[in-house]
Amino acid sequence: MLSNLFLLDIETVPQKEAYELLSPEWQILWCEKISKTVPENTSPIDSYKQRGGILAEFGKIVCISTAFFYDELKGGNSLKVKSIYGDDEKEILLSFILLCNKVYNRNPNFQFAGHNIKEFDIPYICRRMIINGVALPEYLQMYERKPWEVKMFDTLNWWKFGDHKNYITLHLLANVLGIPTSKSDIDGSMVQDVYYKEKNIKRIADYCERDVIVTANVVLKFLNLPVLADEAVVIVP
């Protein structure tokens, strides 16, 4: 089962650093988009800073970290991790497709795996592909598929156990399961400042990679398998 999983996590930022930098038309579109989902007393400036990066119409992908399990270390599972990151979102998406194609050609039955990827990462990637004029490969053409035909290993859905009201962050789930987490020098709320103010995309990629590794360990915990030893994780340039 583990050999079928292709783990991923994305990091996103608003397309513009601040609401004030949006054109008047896009400021109106933003206010229309969030009018029913944020408290009435929240200003557009604040709501854009809080949510601009997580809405695919207004955000962009700056990093996709991927990983897959393999068995090269005797007596346990190993993990290879590779990140695609930069300022050119279209190039990130095209490189991601090339990587996915390699996985698909090796194993047509592969499944995307991650935390909340069904409702965030995969839809976000697909929407940004369409926006960037990138053709969706067959394995991402999910818009006409029935729910049971969309095969993903989503640790959030697994943890719900049918309880659709339940939501848990990867950070909390890792702590509950006794797994070291990725929240060290940075967390998700800091990504856009690290990108726009520090201009440190590598720091974002390092954080994203740690999330993928944490997710891999959550998967192992779910399957009652030992978590990864540090030396079992290989970061591929």
C-alpha atoms as a PDB file:
ATOM      1  CA  MET A   1       0.000   0.000   0.000  1.00  0.00           C
ATOM      2  CA  LEU A   2       2.731   2.486   0.942  1.00  0.00           C
ATOM      3  CA  SER A   3       4.404   2.090  -2.441  1.00  0.00           C
ATOM      4  CA  ASN A   4       1.230   3.453  -4.104  1.00  0.00           C
ATOM      5  CA  LEU A   5       1.249   6.724  -2.169  1.00  0.00           C
ATOM      6  CA  PHE A   6       2.545   9.970  -3.624  1.00  0.00           C
ATOM      7  CA  LEU A   7       2.537  12.464  -0.763  1.00  0.00           C
ATOM      8  CA  LEU A   8       2.308  16.196  -1.320  1.00  0.00           C
ATOM      9  CA  ASP A   9       1.842  19.512   0.415  1.00  0.00           C
ATOM     10  CA  ILE A  10       1.628  22.996  -1.057  1.00  0.00           C
ATOM     11  CA  GLU A  11       2.433  26.466   0.216  1.00  0.00           C
ATOM     12  CA  THR A  12       0.523  29.418  -1.175  1.00  0.00           C
ATOM     13  CA  VAL A  13       0.613  33.202  -0.909  1.00  0.00           C
ATOM     14  CA  PRO A  14      -1.641  36.047  -2.125  1.00  0.00           C
ATOM     15  CA  GLN A  15      -0.878  37.123  -5.693  1.00  0.00           C
ATOM     16  CA  LYS A  16      -0.322  40.664  -4.422  1.00  0.00           C
ATOM     17  CA  GLU A  17       1.455  41.461  -1.190  1.00  0.00           C
ATOM     18  CA  ALA A  18      -1.411  43.632   0.095  1.00  0.00           C
ATOM     19  CA  TYR A  19      -5.046  44.414  -0.669  1.00  0.00           C
ATOM     20  CA  GLU A  20      -4.112  47.992  -1.580  1.00  0.00           C
ATOM     21  CA  LEU A  21      -2.048  46.666  -4.507  1.00  0.00           C
ATOM     22  CA  LEU A  22      -5.075  45.043  -6.147  1.00  0.00           C
ATOM     23  CA  SER A  23      -6.706  46.949  -8.990  1.00  0.00           C
ATOM     24  CA  PRO A  24     -10.068  48.589  -8.126  1.00  0.00           C
ATOM     25  CA  GLU A  25     -11.874  45.851 -10.050  1.00  0.00           C
ATOM     26  CA  TRP A  26     -10.081  43.086  -8.150  1.00  0.00           C
ATOM     27  CA  GLN A  27     -10.733  44.844  -4.841  1.00  0.00           C
ATOM     28  CA  ILE A  28     -14.449  44.658  -5.627  1.00  0.00           C
ATOM     29  CA  LEU A  29     -14.131  41.012  -6.659  1.00  0.00           C
ATOM     30  CA  TRP A  30     -12.340  40.251  -3.381  1.00  0.00           C
ATOM     31  CA  CYS A  31     -15.045  41.900  -1.273  1.00  0.00           C
ATOM     32  CA  GLU A  32     -17.732  39.969  -3.168  1.00  0.00           C
ATOM     33  CA  LYS A  33     -15.841  36.695  -2.702  1.00  0.00           C
ATOM     34  CA  ILE A  34     -15.448  36.942   1.067  1.00  0.00           C
ATOM     35  CA  SER A  35     -18.624  38.877   1.920  1.00  0.00           C
ATOM     36  CA  LYS A  36     -20.391  35.882   3.461  1.00  0.00           C
ATOM     37  CA  THR A  37     -17.428  34.095   5.011  1.00  0.00           C
ATOM     38  CA  VAL A  38     -15.724  36.656   7.271  1.00  0.00           C
ATOM     39  CA  PRO A  39     -17.066  38.644  10.242  1.00  0.00           C
ATOM     40  CA  GLU A  40     -18.741  41.912   9.227  1.00  0.00           C
ATOM     41  CA  ASN A  41     -16.266  44.056  11.149  1.00  0.00           C
ATOM     42  CA  THR A  42     -13.246  42.615   9.301  1.00  0.00           C
ATOM     43  CA  SER A  43     -11.717  45.101   6.875  1.00  0.00           C
ATOM     44  CA  PRO A  44     -10.820  44.018   3.322  1.00  0.00           C
ATOM     45  CA  ILE A  45      -7.188  44.790   4.156  1.00  0.00           C
ATOM     46  CA  ASP A  46      -7.227  42.347   7.071  1.00  0.00           C
ATOM     47  CA  SER A  47      -9.292  39.670   5.322  1.00  0.00           C
ATOM     48  CA  TYR A  48      -6.962  39.719   2.310  1.00  0.00           C
ATOM     49  CA  LYS A  49      -3.924  39.297   4.532  1.00  0.00           C
ATOM     50  CA  GLN A  50      -5.621  36.421   6.371  1.00  0.00           C
ATOM     51  CA  ARG A  51      -7.172  34.600   3.412  1.00  0.00           C
ATOM     52  CA  GLY A  52      -5.748  35.903   0.152  1.00  0.00           C
ATOM     53  CA  GLY A  53      -3.336  33.015  -0.121  1.00  0.00           C
ATOM     54  CA  ILE A  54      -5.824  30.210   0.504  1.00  0.00           C
ATOM     55  CA  LEU A  55      -8.307  31.166  -2.211  1.00  0.00           C
ATOM     56  CA  ALA A  56      -7.099  29.946  -5.594  1.00  0.00           C
ATOM     57  CA  GLU A  57      -8.665  32.869  -7.461  1.00  0.00           C
ATOM     58  CA  PHE A  58      -6.525  35.332  -5.519  1.00  0.00           C
ATOM     59  CA  GLY A  59      -3.486  33.292  -4.487  1.00  0.00           C
ATOM     60  CA  LYS A  60      -0.649  31.407  -6.101  1.00  0.00           C
ATOM     61  CA  ILE A  61       1.493  28.357  -5.367  1.00  0.00           C
ATOM     62  CA  VAL A  62       5.099  29.027  -4.400  1.00  0.00           C
ATOM     63  CA  CYS A  63       6.071  25.502  -3.337  1.00  0.00           C
ATOM     64  CA  ILE A  64       4.944  21.914  -3.858  1.00  0.00           C
ATOM     65  CA  SER A  65       6.751  19.357  -1.722  1.00  0.00           C
ATOM     66  CA  THR A  66       6.363  15.703  -2.660  1.00  0.00           C
ATOM     67  CA  ALA A  67       7.473  12.399  -1.193  1.00  0.00           C
ATOM     68  CA  PHE A  68       7.177   8.669  -1.694  1.00  0.00           C
ATOM     69  CA  PHE A  69       8.016   5.607   0.376  1.00  0.00           C
ATOM     70  CA  TYR A  70      10.611   3.094  -0.670  1.00  0.00           C
ATOM     71  CA  ASP A  71      12.404   0.186   0.947  1.00  0.00           C
ATOM     72  CA  GLU A  72      16.144   0.534   0.753  1.00  0.00           C
ATOM     73  CA  LEU A  73      17.088   0.608   4.402  1.00  0.00           C
ATOM     74  CA  LYS A  74      16.945  -2.863   5.826  1.00  0.00           C
ATOM     75  CA  GLY A  75      14.276  -3.355   8.442  1.00  0.00           C
ATOM     76  CA  GLY A  76      12.171  -0.253   7.854  1.00  0.00           C
ATOM     77  CA  ASN A  77      10.523   2.197   5.475  1.00  0.00           C
ATOM     78  CA  SER A  78      12.354   5.081   3.861  1.00  0.00           C
ATOM     79  CA  LEU A  79      11.131   8.296   2.322  1.00  0.00           C
ATOM     80  CA  LYS A  80      12.370  10.387  -0.590  1.00  0.00           C
ATOM     81  CA  VAL A  81      11.354  14.049  -0.546  1.00  0.00           C
ATOM     82  CA  LYS A  82      11.550  16.528  -3.415  1.00  0.00           C
ATOM     83  CA  SER A  83      10.348  20.128  -3.536  1.00  0.00           C
ATOM     84  CA  ILE A  84       9.501  22.332  -6.496  1.00  0.00           C
ATOM     85  CA  TYR A  85       9.488  26.014  -5.622  1.00  0.00           C
ATOM     86  CA  GLY A  86      10.080  29.507  -6.947  1.00  0.00           C
ATOM     87  CA  ASP A  87       8.384  32.690  -8.109  1.00  0.00           C
ATOM     88  CA  ASP A  88       7.117  31.366 -11.460  1.00  0.00           C
ATOM     89  CA  GLU A  89       3.959  29.443 -10.627  1.00  0.00           C
ATOM     90  CA  LYS A  90       3.466  28.073 -14.137  1.00  0.00           C
ATOM     91  CA  GLU A  91       6.963  26.580 -14.098  1.00  0.00           C
ATOM     92  CA  ILE A  92       6.216  25.005 -10.699  1.00  0.00           C
ATOM     93  CA  LEU A  93       3.045  23.420 -12.080  1.00  0.00           C
ATOM     94  CA  LEU A  94       4.723  22.138 -15.241  1.00  0.00           C
ATOM     95  CA  SER A  95       7.569  20.630 -13.219  1.00  0.00           C
ATOM     96  CA  PHE A  96       5.019  19.036 -10.903  1.00  0.00           C
ATOM     97  CA  ILE A  97       3.263  17.404 -13.853  1.00  0.00           C
ATOM     98  CA  LEU A  98       6.575  16.030 -15.144  1.00  0.00           C
ATOM     99  CA  LEU A  99       7.249  14.512 -11.731  1.00  0.00           C
ATOM    100  CA  CYS A 100       3.721  13.075 -11.502  1.00  0.00           C
ATOM    101  CA  ASN A 101       4.057  11.601 -14.975  1.00  0.00           C
ATOM    102  CA  LYS A 102       7.170   9.722 -13.885  1.00  0.00           C
ATOM    103  CA  VAL A 103       5.252   8.330 -10.935  1.00  0.00           C
ATOM    104  CA  TYR A 104       2.250   7.474 -13.130  1.00  0.00           C
ATOM    105  CA  ASN A 105       4.370   5.714 -15.747  1.00  0.00           C
ATOM    106  CA  ARG A 106       5.976   3.623 -13.030  1.00  0.00           C
ATOM    107  CA  ASN A 107       2.703   2.956 -11.198  1.00  0.00           C
ATOM    108  CA  PRO A 108      -0.635   3.893 -12.863  1.00  0.00           C
ATOM    109  CA  ASN A 109      -2.413   2.970  -9.613  1.00  0.00           C
ATOM    110  CA  PHE A 110      -0.654   5.607  -7.531  1.00  0.00           C
ATOM    111  CA  GLN A 111      -2.694   7.724  -5.130  1.00  0.00           C
ATOM    112  CA  PHE A 112      -2.101  11.265  -3.983  1.00  0.00           C
ATOM    113  CA  ALA A 113      -1.709  11.401  -0.210  1.00  0.00           C
ATOM    114  CA  GLY A 114      -1.639  14.243   2.284  1.00  0.00           C
ATOM    115  CA  HIS A 115      -3.540  16.146   4.949  1.00  0.00           C
ATOM    116  CA  ASN A 116      -6.735  17.829   3.720  1.00  0.00           C
ATOM    117  CA  ILE A 117      -5.644  17.384   0.109  1.00  0.00           C
ATOM    118  CA  LYS A 118      -9.181  16.561  -1.054  1.00  0.00           C
ATOM    119  CA  GLU A 119     -10.519  19.962  -0.048  1.00  0.00           C
ATOM    120  CA  PHE A 120      -7.436  22.126  -0.401  1.00  0.00           C
ATOM    121  CA  ASP A 121      -4.191  21.035  -2.078  1.00  0.00           C
ATOM    122  CA  ILE A 122      -5.519  19.093  -5.077  1.00  0.00           C
ATOM    123  CA  PRO A 123      -8.405  21.474  -5.943  1.00  0.00           C
ATOM    124  CA  TYR A 124      -6.044  24.427  -5.541  1.00  0.00           C
ATOM    125  CA  ILE A 125      -3.463  22.852  -7.866  1.00  0.00           C
ATOM    126  CA  CYS A 126      -6.136  22.065 -10.476  1.00  0.00           C
ATOM    127  CA  ARG A 127      -7.629  25.563 -10.364  1.00  0.00           C
ATOM    128  CA  ARG A 128      -4.225  27.204 -10.686  1.00  0.00           C
ATOM    129  CA  MET A 129      -3.390  24.922 -13.633  1.00  0.00           C
ATOM    130  CA  ILE A 130      -6.501  26.077 -15.474  1.00  0.00           C
ATOM    131  CA  ILE A 131      -5.796  29.730 -14.622  1.00  0.00           C
ATOM    132  CA  ASN A 132      -2.225  29.348 -15.920  1.00  0.00           C
ATOM    133  CA  GLY A 133      -3.337  27.635 -19.117  1.00  0.00           C
ATOM    134  CA  VAL A 134      -1.828  24.284 -18.132  1.00  0.00           C
ATOM    135  CA  ALA A 135      -3.717  21.211 -19.367  1.00  0.00           C
ATOM    136  CA  LEU A 136      -4.903  18.914 -16.601  1.00  0.00           C
ATOM    137  CA  PRO A 137      -3.350  15.434 -16.902  1.00  0.00           C
ATOM    138  CA  GLU A 138      -5.751  12.508 -16.811  1.00  0.00           C
ATOM    139  CA  TYR A 139      -5.041  11.705 -13.164  1.00  0.00           C
ATOM    140  CA  LEU A 140      -6.145  15.223 -12.143  1.00  0.00           C
ATOM    141  CA  GLN A 141      -9.330  15.306 -14.231  1.00  0.00           C
ATOM    142  CA  MET A 142     -11.658  14.720 -11.293  1.00  0.00           C
ATOM    143  CA  TYR A 143     -14.542  17.064 -12.074  1.00  0.00           C
ATOM    144  CA  GLU A 144     -16.756  14.371 -13.631  1.00  0.00           C
ATOM    145  CA  ARG A 145     -15.769  11.502 -11.399  1.00  0.00           C
ATOM    146  CA  LYS A 146     -18.028  10.041  -8.753  1.00  0.00           C
ATOM    147  CA  PRO A 147     -16.809  10.458  -5.150  1.00  0.00           C
ATOM    148  CA  TRP A 148     -15.832   6.794  -4.839  1.00  0.00           C
ATOM    149  CA  GLU A 149     -13.803   7.025  -8.040  1.00  0.00           C
ATOM    150  CA  VAL A 150     -11.521   9.710  -6.578  1.00  0.00           C
ATOM    151  CA  LYS A 151      -8.867   7.739  -4.749  1.00  0.00           C
ATOM    152  CA  MET A 152      -6.748   9.735  -2.337  1.00  0.00           C
ATOM    153  CA  PHE A 153      -5.200   8.930   1.011  1.00  0.00           C
ATOM    154  CA  ASP A 154      -6.309  11.982   2.998  1.00  0.00           C
ATOM    155  CA  THR A 155      -5.241  11.829   6.637  1.00  0.00           C
ATOM    156  CA  LEU A 156      -7.849  14.410   7.611  1.00  0.00           C
ATOM    157  CA  ASN A 157     -10.670  12.295   6.151  1.00  0.00           C
ATOM    158  CA  TRP A 158      -9.242   9.170   7.740  1.00  0.00           C
ATOM    159  CA  TRP A 159      -9.195  10.815  11.170  1.00  0.00           C
ATOM    160  CA  LYS A 160     -12.821  11.921  10.762  1.00  0.00           C
ATOM    161  CA  PHE A 161     -13.989   8.268  10.705  1.00  0.00           C
ATOM    162  CA  GLY A 162     -17.252   9.446   9.123  1.00  0.00           C
ATOM    163  CA  ASP A 163     -17.672  12.389  11.522  1.00  0.00           C
ATOM    164  CA  HIS A 164     -17.966  15.215   8.978  1.00  0.00           C
ATOM    165  CA  LYS A 165     -18.062  17.886  11.686  1.00  0.00           C
ATOM    166  CA  ASN A 166     -14.568  17.015  12.840  1.00  0.00           C
ATOM    167  CA  TYR A 167     -11.593  19.065  11.695  1.00  0.00           C
ATOM    168  CA  ILE A 168      -8.042  18.699  12.915  1.00  0.00           C
ATOM    169  CA  THR A 169      -4.863  20.446  11.848  1.00  0.00           C
ATOM    170  CA  LEU A 170      -1.824  18.410  10.900  1.00  0.00           C
ATOM    171  CA  HIS A 171       0.021  20.063  13.788  1.00  0.00           C
ATOM    172  CA  LEU A 172      -2.555  18.904  16.356  1.00  0.00           C
ATOM    173  CA  LEU A 173      -2.876  15.442  14.838  1.00  0.00           C
ATOM    174  CA  ALA A 174       0.891  14.965  14.953  1.00  0.00           C
ATOM    175  CA  ASN A 175       0.991  15.999  18.599  1.00  0.00           C
ATOM    176  CA  VAL A 176      -1.907  13.691  19.462  1.00  0.00           C
ATOM    177  CA  LEU A 177      -0.019  10.799  17.853  1.00  0.00           C
ATOM    178  CA  GLY A 178       3.296  11.719  19.467  1.00  0.00           C
ATOM    179  CA  ILE A 179       4.979  12.688  16.191  1.00  0.00           C
ATOM    180  CA  PRO A 180       7.534  15.545  16.076  1.00  0.00           C
ATOM    181  CA  THR A 181       5.927  18.364  14.095  1.00  0.00           C
ATOM    182  CA  SER A 182       7.065  20.810  11.450  1.00  0.00           C
ATOM    183  CA  LYS A 183       6.130  23.900  13.435  1.00  0.00           C
ATOM    184  CA  SER A 184       9.549  25.226  14.413  1.00  0.00           C
ATOM    185  CA  ASP A 185      10.786  28.537  13.020  1.00  0.00           C
ATOM    186  CA  ILE A 186       7.718  29.126  10.844  1.00  0.00           C
ATOM    187  CA  ASP A 187       4.021  28.246  10.563  1.00  0.00           C
ATOM    188  CA  GLY A 188       1.422  28.643   7.837  1.00  0.00           C
ATOM    189  CA  SER A 189       0.366  32.137   8.906  1.00  0.00           C
ATOM    190  CA  MET A 190       3.931  33.387   8.392  1.00  0.00           C
ATOM    191  CA  VAL A 191       4.489  32.072   4.863  1.00  0.00           C
ATOM    192  CA  GLN A 192       3.393  35.198   2.987  1.00  0.00           C
ATOM    193  CA  ASP A 193       5.616  37.472   5.114  1.00  0.00           C
ATOM    194  CA  VAL A 194       8.561  35.124   4.602  1.00  0.00           C
ATOM    195  CA  TYR A 195       7.848  35.245   0.866  1.00  0.00           C
ATOM    196  CA  TYR A 196       7.183  38.962   0.382  1.00  0.00           C
ATOM    197  CA  LYS A 197       9.167  40.585   3.179  1.00  0.00           C
ATOM    198  CA  GLU A 198      12.090  38.191   3.734  1.00  0.00           C
ATOM    199  CA  LYS A 199      12.074  36.937   0.132  1.00  0.00           C
ATOM    200  CA  ASN A 200      13.267  33.598   1.494  1.00  0.00           C
ATOM    201  CA  ILE A 201      11.618  30.964  -0.664  1.00  0.00           C
ATOM    202  CA  LYS A 202      14.033  28.262   0.515  1.00  0.00           C
ATOM    203  CA  ARG A 203      12.819  28.703   4.080  1.00  0.00           C
ATOM    204  CA  ILE A 204       9.271  28.112   2.861  1.00  0.00           C
ATOM    205  CA  ALA A 205      10.367  24.995   0.960  1.00  0.00           C
ATOM    206  CA  ASP A 206      12.101  23.626   4.065  1.00  0.00           C
ATOM    207  CA  TYR A 207       8.921  24.145   6.072  1.00  0.00           C
ATOM    208  CA  CYS A 208       6.798  22.497   3.369  1.00  0.00           C
ATOM    209  CA  GLU A 209       9.130  19.493   3.286  1.00  0.00           C
ATOM    210  CA  ARG A 210       8.810  19.078   7.037  1.00  0.00           C
ATOM    211  CA  ASP A 211       5.014  18.991   6.653  1.00  0.00           C
ATOM    212  CA  VAL A 212       5.283  16.196   4.084  1.00  0.00           C
ATOM    213  CA  ILE A 213       7.540  14.200   6.397  1.00  0.00           C
ATOM    214  CA  VAL A 214       5.118  14.693   9.288  1.00  0.00           C
ATOM    215  CA  THR A 215       2.264  13.509   7.068  1.00  0.00           C
ATOM    216  CA  ALA A 216       4.251  10.421   6.095  1.00  0.00           C
ATOM    217  CA  ASN A 217       4.699   9.598   9.776  1.00  0.00           C
ATOM    218  CA  VAL A 218       0.974  10.098  10.406  1.00  0.00           C
ATOM    219  CA  VAL A 219       0.254   7.591   7.637  1.00  0.00           C
ATOM    220  CA  LEU A 220       2.639   5.105   9.254  1.00  0.00           C
ATOM    221  CA  LYS A 221       0.943   5.619  12.634  1.00  0.00           C
ATOM    222  CA  PHE A 222      -2.464   4.978  11.063  1.00  0.00           C
ATOM    223  CA  LEU A 223      -1.121   1.700   9.687  1.00  0.00           C
ATOM    224  CA  ASN A 224       0.453   0.806  13.061  1.00  0.00           C
ATOM    225  CA  LEU A 225       3.957   0.959  11.618  1.00  0.00           C
ATOM    226  CA  PRO A 226       7.093   2.535  13.116  1.00  0.00           C
ATOM    227  CA  VAL A 227       7.686   6.190  12.255  1.00  0.00           C
ATOM    228  CA  LEU A 228      10.624   7.170  10.074  1.00  0.00           C
ATOM    229  CA  ALA A 229      14.098   7.393  11.533  1.00  0.00           C
ATOM    230  CA  ASP A 230      15.922  10.595  10.637  1.00  0.00           C
ATOM    231  CA  GLU A 231      18.390   8.700   8.474  1.00  0.00           C
ATOM    232  CA  ALA A 232      15.503   7.106   6.554  1.00  0.00           C
ATOM    233  CA  VAL A 233      14.471  10.470   5.062  1.00  0.00           C
ATOM    234  CA  VAL A 234      16.304  11.544   1.914  1.00  0.00           C
ATOM    235  CA  ILE A 235      15.891  15.083   0.540  1.00  0.00           C
ATOM    236  CA  VAL A 236      16.393  15.077  -3.246  1.00  0.00           C
ATOM    237  CA  PRO A 237      17.702  18.358  -4.768  1.00  0.00           C
END
